[in-house]
């Protein structure tokens, strides 16, 4: 099975509302792909991107919101 390739060169990134203003712990996600949530470290915008399926990303965000993952 070939890995899935997404063109992320023109996506719009948004910073997590939990990111602080001093530059630490910054996570960015793109909403430009309907079935995938690309996530990156805003301090390293040209670094690796993690790709989550929408259900996996929703489960992760929900768990963080409930305090299950900190």
PDB file of N, CA and C in Angstrom:
ATOM      1  N   UNK A   1       0.836  -1.177   0.000  1.00  0.00           N
ATOM      2  CA  UNK A   1       0.000   0.000   0.000  1.00  0.00           C
ATOM      3  C   UNK A   1       0.885   1.245   0.000  1.00  0.00           C
ATOM      4  N   UNK A   2       0.601   2.153  -0.904  1.00  0.00           N
ATOM      5  CA  UNK A   2       1.387   3.381  -1.016  1.00  0.00           C
ATOM      6  C   UNK A   2       0.928   4.397   0.014  1.00  0.00           C
ATOM      7  N   UNK A   3       1.865   5.157   0.584  1.00  0.00           N
ATOM      8  CA  UNK A   3       1.468   6.187   1.542  1.00  0.00           C
ATOM      9  C   UNK A   3       0.654   7.275   0.865  1.00  0.00           C
ATOM     10  N   UNK A   4      -0.250   7.827   1.605  1.00  0.00           N
ATOM     11  CA  UNK A   4      -1.086   8.916   1.099  1.00  0.00           C
ATOM     12  C   UNK A   4      -0.267  10.199   1.097  1.00  0.00           C
ATOM     13  N   UNK A   5      -0.364  10.953   0.012  1.00  0.00           N
ATOM     14  CA  UNK A   5       0.376  12.198  -0.121  1.00  0.00           C
ATOM     15  C   UNK A   5      -0.613  13.342  -0.252  1.00  0.00           C
ATOM     16  N   UNK A   6      -0.450  14.355   0.579  1.00  0.00           N
ATOM     17  CA  UNK A   6      -1.292  15.547   0.504  1.00  0.00           C
ATOM     18  C   UNK A   6      -0.428  16.746   0.151  1.00  0.00           C
ATOM     19  N   UNK A   7      -0.943  17.604  -0.705  1.00  0.00           N
ATOM     20  CA  UNK A   7      -0.259  18.853  -1.015  1.00  0.00           C
ATOM     21  C   UNK A   7      -0.641  19.863   0.062  1.00  0.00           C
ATOM     22  N   UNK A   8       0.302  20.191   0.917  1.00  0.00           N
ATOM     23  CA  UNK A   8       0.041  21.125   2.011  1.00  0.00           C
ATOM     24  C   UNK A   8       0.666  22.495   1.761  1.00  0.00           C
ATOM     25  N   UNK A   9       1.096  22.738   0.532  1.00  0.00           N
ATOM     26  CA  UNK A   9       1.810  23.979   0.228  1.00  0.00           C
ATOM     27  C   UNK A   9       0.933  25.221   0.311  1.00  0.00           C
ATOM     28  N   UNK A  10      -0.372  25.083   0.166  1.00  0.00           N
ATOM     29  CA  UNK A  10      -1.221  26.282   0.180  1.00  0.00           C
ATOM     30  C   UNK A  10      -2.316  26.225   1.242  1.00  0.00           C
ATOM     31  N   UNK A  11      -2.170  25.358   2.237  1.00  0.00           N
ATOM     32  CA  UNK A  11      -3.202  25.278   3.271  1.00  0.00           C
ATOM     33  C   UNK A  11      -3.093  26.452   4.232  1.00  0.00           C
ATOM     34  N   UNK A  12      -4.180  26.747   4.893  1.00  0.00           N
ATOM     35  CA  UNK A  12      -4.218  27.772   5.924  1.00  0.00           C
ATOM     36  C   UNK A  12      -4.086  27.082   7.274  1.00  0.00           C
ATOM     37  N   UNK A  13      -3.137  27.533   8.055  1.00  0.00           N
ATOM     38  CA  UNK A  13      -2.908  26.956   9.371  1.00  0.00           C
ATOM     39  C   UNK A  13      -3.507  27.865  10.430  1.00  0.00           C
ATOM     40  N   UNK A  14      -4.071  27.259  11.485  1.00  0.00           N
ATOM     41  CA  UNK A  14      -4.549  28.050  12.618  1.00  0.00           C
ATOM     42  C   UNK A  14      -3.912  27.503  13.881  1.00  0.00           C
ATOM     43  N   UNK A  15      -3.558  28.428  14.754  1.00  0.00           N
ATOM     44  CA  UNK A  15      -2.887  28.050  15.994  1.00  0.00           C
ATOM     45  C   UNK A  15      -3.910  27.607  17.029  1.00  0.00           C
ATOM     46  N   UNK A  16      -3.544  26.643  17.826  1.00  0.00           N
ATOM     47  CA  UNK A  16      -4.402  26.153  18.886  1.00  0.00           C
ATOM     48  C   UNK A  16      -4.766  27.278  19.843  1.00  0.00           C
ATOM     49  N   UNK A  17      -6.003  27.274  20.311  1.00  0.00           N
ATOM     50  CA  UNK A  17      -6.426  28.275  21.292  1.00  0.00           C
ATOM     51  C   UNK A  17      -5.719  28.069  22.625  1.00  0.00           C
ATOM     52  N   UNK A  18      -5.092  26.923  22.814  1.00  0.00           N
ATOM     53  CA  UNK A  18      -4.349  26.641  24.039  1.00  0.00           C
ATOM     54  C   UNK A  18      -2.898  27.104  23.960  1.00  0.00           C
ATOM     55  N   UNK A  19      -2.458  27.576  22.792  1.00  0.00           N
ATOM     56  CA  UNK A  19      -1.086  28.046  22.655  1.00  0.00           C
ATOM     57  C   UNK A  19      -0.915  29.329  23.455  1.00  0.00           C
ATOM     58  N   UNK A  20       0.250  29.464  24.051  1.00  0.00           N
ATOM     59  CA  UNK A  20       0.472  30.673  24.839  1.00  0.00           C
ATOM     60  C   UNK A  20       1.164  31.734  24.005  1.00  0.00           C
ATOM     61  N   UNK A  21       1.179  32.963  24.498  1.00  0.00           N
ATOM     62  CA  UNK A  21       1.737  34.089  23.741  1.00  0.00           C
ATOM     63  C   UNK A  21       3.245  34.198  23.858  1.00  0.00           C
ATOM     64  N   UNK A  22       3.869  33.422  24.731  1.00  0.00           N
ATOM     65  CA  UNK A  22       5.317  33.505  24.890  1.00  0.00           C
ATOM     66  C   UNK A  22       6.069  32.601  23.918  1.00  0.00           C
ATOM     67  N   UNK A  23       5.348  31.923  23.037  1.00  0.00           N
ATOM     68  CA  UNK A  23       5.997  31.138  22.001  1.00  0.00           C
ATOM     69  C   UNK A  23       6.160  29.663  22.301  1.00  0.00           C
ATOM     70  N   UNK A  24       5.705  29.203  23.429  1.00  0.00           N
ATOM     71  CA  UNK A  24       5.856  27.794  23.759  1.00  0.00           C
ATOM     72  C   UNK A  24       4.594  26.994  23.499  1.00  0.00           C
ATOM     73  N   UNK A  25       4.744  25.696  23.364  1.00  0.00           N
ATOM     74  CA  UNK A  25       3.618  24.767  23.228  1.00  0.00           C
ATOM     75  C   UNK A  25       2.633  25.177  22.143  1.00  0.00           C
ATOM     76  N   UNK A  26       3.129  25.474  20.959  1.00  0.00           N
ATOM     77  CA  UNK A  26       2.264  25.948  19.878  1.00  0.00           C
ATOM     78  C   UNK A  26       1.986  24.843  18.865  1.00  0.00           C
ATOM     79  N   UNK A  27       0.737  24.566  18.702  1.00  0.00           N
ATOM     80  CA  UNK A  27       0.283  23.548  17.765  1.00  0.00           C
ATOM     81  C   UNK A  27      -0.578  24.233  16.720  1.00  0.00           C
ATOM     82  N   UNK A  28      -0.402  23.878  15.457  1.00  0.00           N
ATOM     83  CA  UNK A  28      -1.231  24.425  14.387  1.00  0.00           C
ATOM     84  C   UNK A  28      -1.917  23.288  13.651  1.00  0.00           C
ATOM     85  N   UNK A  29      -3.138  23.549  13.220  1.00  0.00           N
ATOM     86  CA  UNK A  29      -3.912  22.558  12.483  1.00  0.00           C
ATOM     87  C   UNK A  29      -4.513  23.249  11.261  1.00  0.00           C
ATOM     88  N   UNK A  30      -4.734  22.480  10.215  1.00  0.00           N
ATOM     89  CA  UNK A  30      -5.370  23.009   9.013  1.00  0.00           C
ATOM     90  C   UNK A  30      -6.736  22.361   8.838  1.00  0.00           C
ATOM     91  N   UNK A  31      -7.708  23.180   8.481  1.00  0.00           N
ATOM     92  CA  UNK A  31      -9.068  22.693   8.226  1.00  0.00           C
ATOM     93  C   UNK A  31      -9.351  22.565   6.732  1.00  0.00           C
ATOM     94  N   UNK A  32      -8.318  22.648   5.899  1.00  0.00           N
ATOM     95  CA  UNK A  32      -8.500  22.690   4.449  1.00  0.00           C
ATOM     96  C   UNK A  32      -8.765  21.337   3.787  1.00  0.00           C
ATOM     97  N   UNK A  33      -8.579  20.245   4.513  1.00  0.00           N
ATOM     98  CA  UNK A  33      -8.817  18.921   3.938  1.00  0.00           C
ATOM     99  C   UNK A  33     -10.023  18.290   4.623  1.00  0.00           C
ATOM    100  N   UNK A  34     -11.011  17.855   3.860  1.00  0.00           N
ATOM    101  CA  UNK A  34     -12.280  17.408   4.448  1.00  0.00           C
ATOM    102  C   UNK A  34     -12.217  16.126   5.281  1.00  0.00           C
ATOM    103  N   UNK A  35     -11.239  15.261   5.072  1.00  0.00           N
ATOM    104  CA  UNK A  35     -11.208  13.994   5.806  1.00  0.00           C
ATOM    105  C   UNK A  35      -9.938  13.806   6.620  1.00  0.00           C
ATOM    106  N   UNK A  36      -9.062  14.806   6.605  1.00  0.00           N
ATOM    107  CA  UNK A  36      -7.768  14.698   7.269  1.00  0.00           C
ATOM    108  C   UNK A  36      -7.465  15.983   8.032  1.00  0.00           C
ATOM    109  N   UNK A  37      -6.858  15.839   9.202  1.00  0.00           N
ATOM    110  CA  UNK A  37      -6.434  16.998   9.989  1.00  0.00           C
ATOM    111  C   UNK A  37      -4.909  17.027  10.046  1.00  0.00           C
ATOM    112  N   UNK A  38      -4.268  17.850   9.195  1.00  0.00           N
ATOM    113  CA  UNK A  38      -2.817  18.003   9.282  1.00  0.00           C
ATOM    114  C   UNK A  38      -2.469  18.848  10.513  1.00  0.00           C
ATOM    115  N   UNK A  39      -1.455  18.426  11.264  1.00  0.00           N
ATOM    116  CA  UNK A  39      -1.049  19.111  12.495  1.00  0.00           C
ATOM    117  C   UNK A  39       0.458  19.294  12.459  1.00  0.00           C
ATOM    118  N   UNK A  40       0.915  20.476  12.887  1.00  0.00           N
ATOM    119  CA  UNK A  40       2.355  20.744  12.915  1.00  0.00           C
ATOM    120  C   UNK A  40       2.710  21.600  14.133  1.00  0.00           C
ATOM    121  N   UNK A  41       3.999  21.667  14.399  1.00  0.00           N
ATOM    122  CA  UNK A  41       4.543  22.510  15.455  1.00  0.00           C
ATOM    123  C   UNK A  41       4.786  23.891  14.852  1.00  0.00           C
ATOM    124  N   UNK A  42       4.162  24.925  15.386  1.00  0.00           N
ATOM    125  CA  UNK A  42       4.301  26.256  14.789  1.00  0.00           C
ATOM    126  C   UNK A  42       5.714  26.803  14.911  1.00  0.00           C
ATOM    127  N   UNK A  43       6.503  26.292  15.835  1.00  0.00           N
ATOM    128  CA  UNK A  43       7.889  26.740  15.965  1.00  0.00           C
ATOM    129  C   UNK A  43       8.777  26.129  14.886  1.00  0.00           C
ATOM    130  N   UNK A  44       8.265  25.134  14.172  1.00  0.00           N
ATOM    131  CA  UNK A  44       9.015  24.467  13.111  1.00  0.00           C
ATOM    132  C   UNK A  44       8.092  24.274  11.904  1.00  0.00           C
ATOM    133  N   UNK A  45       7.659  25.374  11.262  1.00  0.00           N
ATOM    134  CA  UNK A  45       6.653  25.273  10.194  1.00  0.00           C
ATOM    135  C   UNK A  45       7.086  24.478   8.965  1.00  0.00           C
ATOM    136  N   UNK A  46       8.372  24.280   8.786  1.00  0.00           N
ATOM    137  CA  UNK A  46       8.848  23.495   7.641  1.00  0.00           C
ATOM    138  C   UNK A  46       9.226  22.074   8.058  1.00  0.00           C
ATOM    139  N   UNK A  47       8.931  21.742   9.300  1.00  0.00           N
ATOM    140  CA  UNK A  47       9.236  20.416   9.811  1.00  0.00           C
ATOM    141  C   UNK A  47       8.136  19.421   9.482  1.00  0.00           C
ATOM    142  N   UNK A  48       8.134  18.306  10.164  1.00  0.00           N
ATOM    143  CA  UNK A  48       7.166  17.246   9.868  1.00  0.00           C
ATOM    144  C   UNK A  48       5.729  17.654  10.208  1.00  0.00           C
ATOM    145  N   UNK A  49       4.807  17.037   9.502  1.00  0.00           N
ATOM    146  CA  UNK A  49       3.369  17.240   9.722  1.00  0.00           C
ATOM    147  C   UNK A  49       2.765  15.884  10.059  1.00  0.00           C
ATOM    148  N   UNK A  50       1.970  15.847  11.099  1.00  0.00           N
ATOM    149  CA  UNK A  50       1.231  14.633  11.435  1.00  0.00           C
ATOM    150  C   UNK A  50      -0.133  14.704  10.771  1.00  0.00           C
ATOM    151  N   UNK A  51      -0.577  13.601  10.196  1.00  0.00           N
ATOM    152  CA  UNK A  51      -1.888  13.542   9.557  1.00  0.00           C
ATOM    153  C   UNK A  51      -2.801  12.640  10.374  1.00  0.00           C
ATOM    154  N   UNK A  52      -3.913  13.191  10.821  1.00  0.00           N
ATOM    155  CA  UNK A  52      -4.910  12.443  11.578  1.00  0.00           C
ATOM    156  C   UNK A  52      -6.172  12.317  10.747  1.00  0.00           C
ATOM    157  N   UNK A  53      -6.849  11.193  10.840  1.00  0.00           N
ATOM    158  CA  UNK A  53      -8.187  11.128  10.245  1.00  0.00           C
ATOM    159  C   UNK A  53      -9.080  12.045  11.067  1.00  0.00           C
ATOM    160  N   UNK A  54     -10.163  12.530  10.486  1.00  0.00           N
ATOM    161  CA  UNK A  54     -11.057  13.407  11.236  1.00  0.00           C
ATOM    162  C   UNK A  54     -11.583  12.752  12.510  1.00  0.00           C
ATOM    163  N   UNK A  55     -12.018  11.467  12.482  1.00  0.00           N
ATOM    164  CA  UNK A  55     -12.479  10.853  13.739  1.00  0.00           C
ATOM    165  C   UNK A  55     -11.380  10.762  14.801  1.00  0.00           C
ATOM    166  N   UNK A  56     -10.150  10.465  14.388  1.00  0.00           N
ATOM    167  CA  UNK A  56      -9.046  10.373  15.350  1.00  0.00           C
ATOM    168  C   UNK A  56      -8.738  11.742  15.953  1.00  0.00           C
ATOM    169  N   UNK A  57      -8.757  12.781  15.122  1.00  0.00           N
ATOM    170  CA  UNK A  57      -8.486  14.131  15.618  1.00  0.00           C
ATOM    171  C   UNK A  57      -9.596  14.577  16.572  1.00  0.00           C
ATOM    172  N   UNK A  58     -10.842  14.311  16.216  1.00  0.00           N
ATOM    173  CA  UNK A  58     -11.971  14.672  17.087  1.00  0.00           C
ATOM    174  C   UNK A  58     -11.868  13.948  18.434  1.00  0.00           C
ATOM    175  N   UNK A  59     -11.473  12.686  18.415  1.00  0.00           N
ATOM    176  CA  UNK A  59     -11.316  11.927  19.654  1.00  0.00           C
ATOM    177  C   UNK A  59     -10.182  12.526  20.501  1.00  0.00           C
ATOM    178  N   UNK A  60      -9.084  12.902  19.870  1.00  0.00           N
ATOM    179  CA  UNK A  60      -7.963  13.503  20.579  1.00  0.00           C
ATOM    180  C   UNK A  60      -8.366  14.823  21.216  1.00  0.00           C
ATOM    181  N   UNK A  61      -8.985  15.702  20.434  1.00  0.00           N
ATOM    182  CA  UNK A  61      -9.397  17.009  20.944  1.00  0.00           C
ATOM    183  C   UNK A  61     -10.417  16.848  22.072  1.00  0.00           C
ATOM    184  N   UNK A  62     -11.341  15.913  21.905  1.00  0.00           N
ATOM    185  CA  UNK A  62     -12.322  15.643  22.957  1.00  0.00           C
ATOM    186  C   UNK A  62     -11.678  15.166  24.238  1.00  0.00           C
ATOM    187  N   UNK A  63     -10.700  14.280  24.123  1.00  0.00           N
ATOM    188  CA  UNK A  63      -9.995  13.764  25.302  1.00  0.00           C
ATOM    189  C   UNK A  63      -9.232  14.874  26.008  1.00  0.00           C
ATOM    190  N   UNK A  64      -8.576  15.731  25.239  1.00  0.00           N
ATOM    191  CA  UNK A  64      -7.856  16.870  25.842  1.00  0.00           C
ATOM    192  C   UNK A  64      -8.850  17.786  26.560  1.00  0.00           C
ATOM    193  N   UNK A  65      -9.983  18.051  25.918  1.00  0.00           N
ATOM    194  CA  UNK A  65     -10.997  18.925  26.513  1.00  0.00           C
ATOM    195  C   UNK A  65     -11.558  18.363  27.817  1.00  0.00           C
ATOM    196  N   UNK A  66     -11.631  17.052  27.929  1.00  0.00           N
ATOM    197  CA  UNK A  66     -12.123  16.410  29.157  1.00  0.00           C
ATOM    198  C   UNK A  66     -11.030  16.226  30.192  1.00  0.00           C
ATOM    199  N   UNK A  67      -9.806  16.602  29.846  1.00  0.00           N
ATOM    200  CA  UNK A  67      -8.697  16.468  30.778  1.00  0.00           C
ATOM    201  C   UNK A  67      -8.114  15.072  30.844  1.00  0.00           C
ATOM    202  N   UNK A  68      -8.489  14.219  29.891  1.00  0.00           N
ATOM    203  CA  UNK A  68      -7.963  12.859  29.874  1.00  0.00           C
ATOM    204  C   UNK A  68      -6.504  12.853  29.444  1.00  0.00           C
ATOM    205  N   UNK A  69      -6.154  13.715  28.499  1.00  0.00           N
ATOM    206  CA  UNK A  69      -4.779  13.848  28.023  1.00  0.00           C
ATOM    207  C   UNK A  69      -4.273  15.230  28.395  1.00  0.00           C
ATOM    208  N   UNK A  70      -3.208  15.282  29.129  1.00  0.00           N
ATOM    209  CA  UNK A  70      -2.633  16.581  29.494  1.00  0.00           C
ATOM    210  C   UNK A  70      -1.151  16.576  29.253  1.00  0.00           C
TER     211      UNK A  70
END
